[in-house]
Amino acid sequence: MAQHPAHAQNHRHPDEPRPDEIERALKGAGYPMGKEKLLALARSNGANGEVMAVLNKMSDRNFDSADAVLREANRVE
């Protein structure tokens, strides 16, 4: 059976933010940084609802880099 396009590898659901949107929302982050501080930074950087939703779904831990945040964001999307 064919896989749904939104679940196929390297395919995003239309409502999921692009990695560059997440990176833009986290501009100025000083790592390591916890989830709550990342959320506050994203809010202050004007992140849209999709970015905020993904960040909210992430595990509550410290992230040591933007790459770590993006890996976690991809996991929860």
PDB file of N, CA and C in Angstrom:
ATOM      1  N   MET A   1       0.852  -1.181   0.000  1.00  0.00           N
ATOM      2  CA  MET A   1       0.000   0.000   0.000  1.00  0.00           C
ATOM      3  C   MET A   1       0.895   1.241   0.000  1.00  0.00           C
ATOM      4  N   ALA A   2       0.544   2.225  -0.750  1.00  0.00           N
ATOM      5  CA  ALA A   2       1.332   3.456  -0.858  1.00  0.00           C
ATOM      6  C   ALA A   2       1.237   4.264   0.434  1.00  0.00           C
ATOM      7  N   GLN A   3       2.317   4.903   0.754  1.00  0.00           N
ATOM      8  CA  GLN A   3       2.362   5.729   1.954  1.00  0.00           C
ATOM      9  C   GLN A   3       1.735   7.087   1.659  1.00  0.00           C
ATOM     10  N   HIS A   4       1.009   7.625   2.636  1.00  0.00           N
ATOM     11  CA  HIS A   4       0.409   8.949   2.495  1.00  0.00           C
ATOM     12  C   HIS A   4       1.530   9.961   2.266  1.00  0.00           C
ATOM     13  N   PRO A   5       1.377  10.903   1.334  1.00  0.00           N
ATOM     14  CA  PRO A   5       2.453  11.856   1.023  1.00  0.00           C
ATOM     15  C   PRO A   5       2.971  12.623   2.235  1.00  0.00           C
ATOM     16  N   ALA A   6       2.114  12.943   3.174  1.00  0.00           N
ATOM     17  CA  ALA A   6       2.564  13.708   4.343  1.00  0.00           C
ATOM     18  C   ALA A   6       3.445  12.871   5.251  1.00  0.00           C
ATOM     19  N   HIS A   7       3.397  11.540   5.099  1.00  0.00           N
ATOM     20  CA  HIS A   7       4.200  10.664   5.939  1.00  0.00           C
ATOM     21  C   HIS A   7       5.406  10.117   5.206  1.00  0.00           C
ATOM     22  N   ALA A   8       5.512  10.351   3.931  1.00  0.00           N
ATOM     23  CA  ALA A   8       6.663   9.878   3.174  1.00  0.00           C
ATOM     24  C   ALA A   8       7.906  10.656   3.593  1.00  0.00           C
ATOM     25  N   GLN A   9       9.042  10.012   3.457  1.00  0.00           N
ATOM     26  CA  GLN A   9      10.289  10.659   3.852  1.00  0.00           C
ATOM     27  C   GLN A   9      10.507  11.935   3.038  1.00  0.00           C
ATOM     28  N   ASN A  10      10.986  12.972   3.725  1.00  0.00           N
ATOM     29  CA  ASN A  10      11.289  14.269   3.115  1.00  0.00           C
ATOM     30  C   ASN A  10      10.059  15.016   2.594  1.00  0.00           C
ATOM     31  N   HIS A  11       8.899  14.662   3.084  1.00  0.00           N
ATOM     32  CA  HIS A  11       7.690  15.391   2.707  1.00  0.00           C
ATOM     33  C   HIS A  11       7.061  15.960   3.966  1.00  0.00           C
ATOM     34  N   ARG A  12       6.706  17.219   3.901  1.00  0.00           N
ATOM     35  CA  ARG A  12       6.069  17.884   5.028  1.00  0.00           C
ATOM     36  C   ARG A  12       4.579  18.009   4.769  1.00  0.00           C
ATOM     37  N   HIS A  13       3.821  17.994   5.842  1.00  0.00           N
ATOM     38  CA  HIS A  13       2.412  18.334   5.756  1.00  0.00           C
ATOM     39  C   HIS A  13       2.362  19.838   5.483  1.00  0.00           C
ATOM     40  N   PRO A  14       1.412  20.319   4.722  1.00  0.00           N
ATOM     41  CA  PRO A  14       1.369  21.757   4.391  1.00  0.00           C
ATOM     42  C   PRO A  14       1.344  22.681   5.607  1.00  0.00           C
ATOM     43  N   ASP A  15       0.829  22.213   6.743  1.00  0.00           N
ATOM     44  CA  ASP A  15       0.768  23.059   7.938  1.00  0.00           C
ATOM     45  C   ASP A  15       2.035  23.019   8.778  1.00  0.00           C
ATOM     46  N   GLU A  16       3.007  22.178   8.417  1.00  0.00           N
ATOM     47  CA  GLU A  16       4.238  22.085   9.191  1.00  0.00           C
ATOM     48  C   GLU A  16       5.210  23.176   8.753  1.00  0.00           C
ATOM     49  N   PRO A  17       5.882  23.796   9.727  1.00  0.00           N
ATOM     50  CA  PRO A  17       6.832  24.861   9.367  1.00  0.00           C
ATOM     51  C   PRO A  17       8.074  24.303   8.691  1.00  0.00           C
ATOM     52  N   ARG A  18       8.658  25.107   7.829  1.00  0.00           N
ATOM     53  CA  ARG A  18       9.912  24.738   7.183  1.00  0.00           C
ATOM     54  C   ARG A  18      11.048  24.956   8.185  1.00  0.00           C
ATOM     55  N   PRO A  19      12.149  24.215   8.032  1.00  0.00           N
ATOM     56  CA  PRO A  19      13.290  24.403   8.941  1.00  0.00           C
ATOM     57  C   PRO A  19      13.769  25.851   9.016  1.00  0.00           C
ATOM     58  N   ASP A  20      13.735  26.577   7.893  1.00  0.00           N
ATOM     59  CA  ASP A  20      14.199  27.968   7.926  1.00  0.00           C
ATOM     60  C   ASP A  20      13.265  28.854   8.753  1.00  0.00           C
ATOM     61  N   GLU A  21      11.974  28.494   8.829  1.00  0.00           N
ATOM     62  CA  GLU A  21      11.039  29.250   9.676  1.00  0.00           C
ATOM     63  C   GLU A  21      11.377  29.042  11.153  1.00  0.00           C
ATOM     64  N   ILE A  22      11.737  27.810  11.503  1.00  0.00           N
ATOM     65  CA  ILE A  22      12.123  27.514  12.878  1.00  0.00           C
ATOM     66  C   ILE A  22      13.436  28.230  13.211  1.00  0.00           C
ATOM     67  N   GLU A  23      14.403  28.169  12.304  1.00  0.00           N
ATOM     68  CA  GLU A  23      15.679  28.844  12.532  1.00  0.00           C
ATOM     69  C   GLU A  23      15.478  30.348  12.708  1.00  0.00           C
ATOM     70  N   ARG A  24      14.619  30.944  11.896  1.00  0.00           N
ATOM     71  CA  ARG A  24      14.341  32.374  11.994  1.00  0.00           C
ATOM     72  C   ARG A  24      13.702  32.705  13.341  1.00  0.00           C
ATOM     73  N   ALA A  25      12.810  31.846  13.806  1.00  0.00           N
ATOM     74  CA  ALA A  25      12.138  32.061  15.087  1.00  0.00           C
ATOM     75  C   ALA A  25      13.120  31.986  16.258  1.00  0.00           C
ATOM     76  N   LEU A  26      14.216  31.254  16.068  1.00  0.00           N
ATOM     77  CA  LEU A  26      15.185  31.060  17.156  1.00  0.00           C
ATOM     78  C   LEU A  26      16.436  31.907  16.976  1.00  0.00           C
ATOM     79  N   LYS A  27      16.358  32.905  16.109  1.00  0.00           N
ATOM     80  CA  LYS A  27      17.501  33.783  15.884  1.00  0.00           C
ATOM     81  C   LYS A  27      17.923  34.454  17.192  1.00  0.00           C
ATOM     82  N   GLY A  28      19.204  34.402  17.472  1.00  0.00           N
ATOM     83  CA  GLY A  28      19.737  35.012  18.682  1.00  0.00           C
ATOM     84  C   GLY A  28      19.780  34.071  19.875  1.00  0.00           C
ATOM     85  N   ALA A  29      19.442  32.798  19.669  1.00  0.00           N
ATOM     86  CA  ALA A  29      19.453  31.838  20.773  1.00  0.00           C
ATOM     87  C   ALA A  29      20.873  31.649  21.291  1.00  0.00           C
ATOM     88  N   GLY A  30      21.000  31.600  22.598  1.00  0.00           N
ATOM     89  CA  GLY A  30      22.276  31.324  23.241  1.00  0.00           C
ATOM     90  C   GLY A  30      22.240  29.933  23.839  1.00  0.00           C
ATOM     91  N   TYR A  31      22.790  28.978  23.116  1.00  0.00           N
ATOM     92  CA  TYR A  31      22.741  27.573  23.554  1.00  0.00           C
ATOM     93  C   TYR A  31      23.815  27.306  24.591  1.00  0.00           C
ATOM     94  N   PRO A  32      23.555  26.364  25.518  1.00  0.00           N
ATOM     95  CA  PRO A  32      22.357  25.536  25.633  1.00  0.00           C
ATOM     96  C   PRO A  32      21.167  26.354  26.110  1.00  0.00           C
ATOM     97  N   MET A  33      19.994  25.886  25.699  1.00  0.00           N
ATOM     98  CA  MET A  33      18.757  26.601  25.998  1.00  0.00           C
ATOM     99  C   MET A  33      17.638  25.594  26.212  1.00  0.00           C
ATOM    100  N   GLY A  34      16.830  25.827  27.238  1.00  0.00           N
ATOM    101  CA  GLY A  34      15.697  24.957  27.527  1.00  0.00           C
ATOM    102  C   GLY A  34      14.493  25.289  26.669  1.00  0.00           C
ATOM    103  N   LYS A  35      13.545  24.382  26.676  1.00  0.00           N
ATOM    104  CA  LYS A  35      12.342  24.527  25.859  1.00  0.00           C
ATOM    105  C   LYS A  35      11.597  25.821  26.158  1.00  0.00           C
ATOM    106  N   GLU A  36      11.404  26.156  27.441  1.00  0.00           N
ATOM    107  CA  GLU A  36      10.640  27.359  27.786  1.00  0.00           C
ATOM    108  C   GLU A  36      11.317  28.627  27.275  1.00  0.00           C
ATOM    109  N   LYS A  37      12.640  28.686  27.360  1.00  0.00           N
ATOM    110  CA  LYS A  37      13.358  29.858  26.847  1.00  0.00           C
ATOM    111  C   LYS A  37      13.294  29.909  25.333  1.00  0.00           C
ATOM    112  N   LEU A  38      13.334  28.737  24.680  1.00  0.00           N
ATOM    113  CA  LEU A  38      13.191  28.707  23.221  1.00  0.00           C
ATOM    114  C   LEU A  38      11.813  29.223  22.818  1.00  0.00           C
ATOM    115  N   LEU A  39      10.778  28.803  23.549  1.00  0.00           N
ATOM    116  CA  LEU A  39       9.428  29.276  23.251  1.00  0.00           C
ATOM    117  C   LEU A  39       9.325  30.791  23.427  1.00  0.00           C
ATOM    118  N   ALA A  40       9.903  31.307  24.497  1.00  0.00           N
ATOM    119  CA  ALA A  40       9.857  32.758  24.745  1.00  0.00           C
ATOM    120  C   ALA A  40      10.600  33.511  23.649  1.00  0.00           C
ATOM    121  N   LEU A  41      11.753  32.993  23.233  1.00  0.00           N
ATOM    122  CA  LEU A  41      12.525  33.630  22.167  1.00  0.00           C
ATOM    123  C   LEU A  41      11.742  33.609  20.853  1.00  0.00           C
ATOM    124  N   ALA A  42      11.152  32.471  20.543  1.00  0.00           N
ATOM    125  CA  ALA A  42      10.377  32.356  19.301  1.00  0.00           C
ATOM    126  C   ALA A  42       9.217  33.346  19.297  1.00  0.00           C
ATOM    127  N   ARG A  43       8.532  33.457  20.451  1.00  0.00           N
ATOM    128  CA  ARG A  43       7.438  34.434  20.568  1.00  0.00           C
ATOM    129  C   ARG A  43       7.954  35.848  20.318  1.00  0.00           C
ATOM    130  N   SER A  44       9.079  36.195  20.941  1.00  0.00           N
ATOM    131  CA  SER A  44       9.606  37.560  20.785  1.00  0.00           C
ATOM    132  C   SER A  44      10.108  37.817  19.369  1.00  0.00           C
ATOM    133  N   ASN A  45      10.466  36.746  18.649  1.00  0.00           N
ATOM    134  CA  ASN A  45      10.901  36.885  17.261  1.00  0.00           C
ATOM    135  C   ASN A  45       9.729  36.824  16.277  1.00  0.00           C
ATOM    136  N   GLY A  46       8.502  36.755  16.797  1.00  0.00           N
ATOM    137  CA  GLY A  46       7.319  36.780  15.934  1.00  0.00           C
ATOM    138  C   GLY A  46       7.005  35.471  15.246  1.00  0.00           C
ATOM    139  N   ALA A  47       7.333  34.341  15.878  1.00  0.00           N
ATOM    140  CA  ALA A  47       7.065  33.035  15.264  1.00  0.00           C
ATOM    141  C   ALA A  47       5.573  32.852  15.013  1.00  0.00           C
ATOM    142  N   ASN A  48       5.262  32.192  13.913  1.00  0.00           N
ATOM    143  CA  ASN A  48       3.858  31.937  13.579  1.00  0.00           C
ATOM    144  C   ASN A  48       3.323  30.758  14.396  1.00  0.00           C
ATOM    145  N   GLY A  49       2.045  30.522  14.293  1.00  0.00           N
ATOM    146  CA  GLY A  49       1.382  29.474  15.065  1.00  0.00           C
ATOM    147  C   GLY A  49       1.905  28.079  14.807  1.00  0.00           C
ATOM    148  N   GLU A  50       2.273  27.784  13.566  1.00  0.00           N
ATOM    149  CA  GLU A  50       2.787  26.451  13.245  1.00  0.00           C
ATOM    150  C   GLU A  50       4.119  26.200  13.937  1.00  0.00           C
ATOM    151  N   VAL A  51       5.001  27.204  13.919  1.00  0.00           N
ATOM    152  CA  VAL A  51       6.301  27.073  14.585  1.00  0.00           C
ATOM    153  C   VAL A  51       6.093  26.902  16.085  1.00  0.00           C
ATOM    154  N   MET A  52       5.235  27.710  16.669  1.00  0.00           N
ATOM    155  CA  MET A  52       4.983  27.624  18.107  1.00  0.00           C
ATOM    156  C   MET A  52       4.396  26.258  18.476  1.00  0.00           C
ATOM    157  N   ALA A  53       3.510  25.728  17.643  1.00  0.00           N
ATOM    158  CA  ALA A  53       2.915  24.425  17.914  1.00  0.00           C
ATOM    159  C   ALA A  53       3.968  23.325  17.928  1.00  0.00           C
ATOM    160  N   VAL A  54       4.885  23.366  16.965  1.00  0.00           N
ATOM    161  CA  VAL A  54       5.946  22.357  16.913  1.00  0.00           C
ATOM    162  C   VAL A  54       6.864  22.495  18.127  1.00  0.00           C
ATOM    163  N   LEU A  55       7.258  23.713  18.455  1.00  0.00           N
ATOM    164  CA  LEU A  55       8.127  23.922  19.615  1.00  0.00           C
ATOM    165  C   LEU A  55       7.444  23.452  20.894  1.00  0.00           C
ATOM    166  N   ASN A  56       6.152  23.664  21.007  1.00  0.00           N
ATOM    167  CA  ASN A  56       5.404  23.211  22.185  1.00  0.00           C
ATOM    168  C   ASN A  56       5.380  21.699  22.315  1.00  0.00           C
ATOM    169  N   LYS A  57       5.416  20.980  21.196  1.00  0.00           N
ATOM    170  CA  LYS A  57       5.381  19.516  21.213  1.00  0.00           C
ATOM    171  C   LYS A  57       6.723  18.895  21.582  1.00  0.00           C
ATOM    172  N   MET A  58       7.794  19.679  21.507  1.00  0.00           N
ATOM    173  CA  MET A  58       9.129  19.132  21.755  1.00  0.00           C
ATOM    174  C   MET A  58       9.288  18.733  23.216  1.00  0.00           C
ATOM    175  N   SER A  59      10.222  17.828  23.475  1.00  0.00           N
ATOM    176  CA  SER A  59      10.479  17.396  24.847  1.00  0.00           C
ATOM    177  C   SER A  59      11.056  18.548  25.660  1.00  0.00           C
ATOM    178  N   ASP A  60      10.807  18.510  26.953  1.00  0.00           N
ATOM    179  CA  ASP A  60      11.253  19.565  27.859  1.00  0.00           C
ATOM    180  C   ASP A  60      12.671  19.241  28.321  1.00  0.00           C
ATOM    181  N   ARG A  61      13.649  19.724  27.578  1.00  0.00           N
ATOM    182  CA  ARG A  61      15.050  19.476  27.902  1.00  0.00           C
ATOM    183  C   ARG A  61      15.886  20.637  27.387  1.00  0.00           C
ATOM    184  N   ASN A  62      17.176  20.611  27.684  1.00  0.00           N
ATOM    185  CA  ASN A  62      18.093  21.619  27.155  1.00  0.00           C
ATOM    186  C   ASN A  62      18.581  21.196  25.780  1.00  0.00           C
ATOM    187  N   PHE A  63      18.630  22.146  24.875  1.00  0.00           N
ATOM    188  CA  PHE A  63      19.126  21.906  23.521  1.00  0.00           C
ATOM    189  C   PHE A  63      20.455  22.623  23.387  1.00  0.00           C
ATOM    190  N   ASP A  64      21.457  21.924  22.822  1.00  0.00           N
ATOM    191  CA  ASP A  64      22.795  22.502  22.753  1.00  0.00           C
ATOM    192  C   ASP A  64      23.111  23.201  21.441  1.00  0.00           C
ATOM    193  N   SER A  65      22.189  23.152  20.479  1.00  0.00           N
ATOM    194  CA  SER A  65      22.427  23.809  19.187  1.00  0.00           C
ATOM    195  C   SER A  65      21.126  23.924  18.406  1.00  0.00           C
ATOM    196  N   ALA A  66      21.165  24.750  17.360  1.00  0.00           N
ATOM    197  CA  ALA A  66      20.005  24.866  16.470  1.00  0.00           C
ATOM    198  C   ALA A  66      19.734  23.522  15.786  1.00  0.00           C
ATOM    199  N   ASP A  67      20.796  22.787  15.454  1.00  0.00           N
ATOM    200  CA  ASP A  67      20.612  21.471  14.834  1.00  0.00           C
ATOM    201  C   ASP A  67      19.853  20.524  15.751  1.00  0.00           C
ATOM    202  N   ALA A  68      20.151  20.574  17.053  1.00  0.00           N
ATOM    203  CA  ALA A  68      19.438  19.723  18.008  1.00  0.00           C
ATOM    204  C   ALA A  68      17.957  20.090  18.051  1.00  0.00           C
ATOM    205  N   VAL A  69      17.660  21.376  17.990  1.00  0.00           N
ATOM    206  CA  VAL A  69      16.260  21.825  17.977  1.00  0.00           C
ATOM    207  C   VAL A  69      15.573  21.332  16.709  1.00  0.00           C
ATOM    208  N   LEU A  70      16.226  21.473  15.574  1.00  0.00           N
ATOM    209  CA  LEU A  70      15.626  21.050  14.306  1.00  0.00           C
ATOM    210  C   LEU A  70      15.403  19.543  14.269  1.00  0.00           C
ATOM    211  N   ARG A  71      16.347  18.761  14.807  1.00  0.00           N
ATOM    212  CA  ARG A  71      16.158  17.306  14.857  1.00  0.00           C
ATOM    213  C   ARG A  71      14.932  16.957  15.692  1.00  0.00           C
ATOM    214  N   GLU A  72      14.803  17.594  16.844  1.00  0.00           N
ATOM    215  CA  GLU A  72      13.656  17.339  17.714  1.00  0.00           C
ATOM    216  C   GLU A  72      12.365  17.812  17.044  1.00  0.00           C
ATOM    217  N   ALA A  73      12.401  18.955  16.390  1.00  0.00           N
ATOM    218  CA  ALA A  73      11.210  19.472  15.696  1.00  0.00           C
ATOM    219  C   ALA A  73      10.768  18.499  14.602  1.00  0.00           C
ATOM    220  N   ASN A  74      11.718  17.946  13.867  1.00  0.00           N
ATOM    221  CA  ASN A  74      11.369  16.972  12.809  1.00  0.00           C
ATOM    222  C   ASN A  74      10.777  15.719  13.407  1.00  0.00           C
ATOM    223  N   ARG A  75      11.256  15.332  14.584  1.00  0.00           N
ATOM    224  CA  ARG A  75      10.764  14.126  15.234  1.00  0.00           C
ATOM    225  C   ARG A  75       9.303  14.291  15.666  1.00  0.00           C
ATOM    226  N   VAL A  76       8.949  15.468  16.180  1.00  0.00           N
ATOM    227  CA  VAL A  76       7.587  15.678  16.690  1.00  0.00           C
ATOM    228  C   VAL A  76       6.587  16.069  15.608  1.00  0.00           C
ATOM    229  N   GLU A  77       7.051  16.568  14.474  1.00  0.00           N
ATOM    230  CA  GLU A  77       6.127  16.965  13.395  1.00  0.00           C
ATOM    231  C   GLU A  77       5.473  15.723  12.900  1.00  0.00           C
TER     232      GLU A  77
END
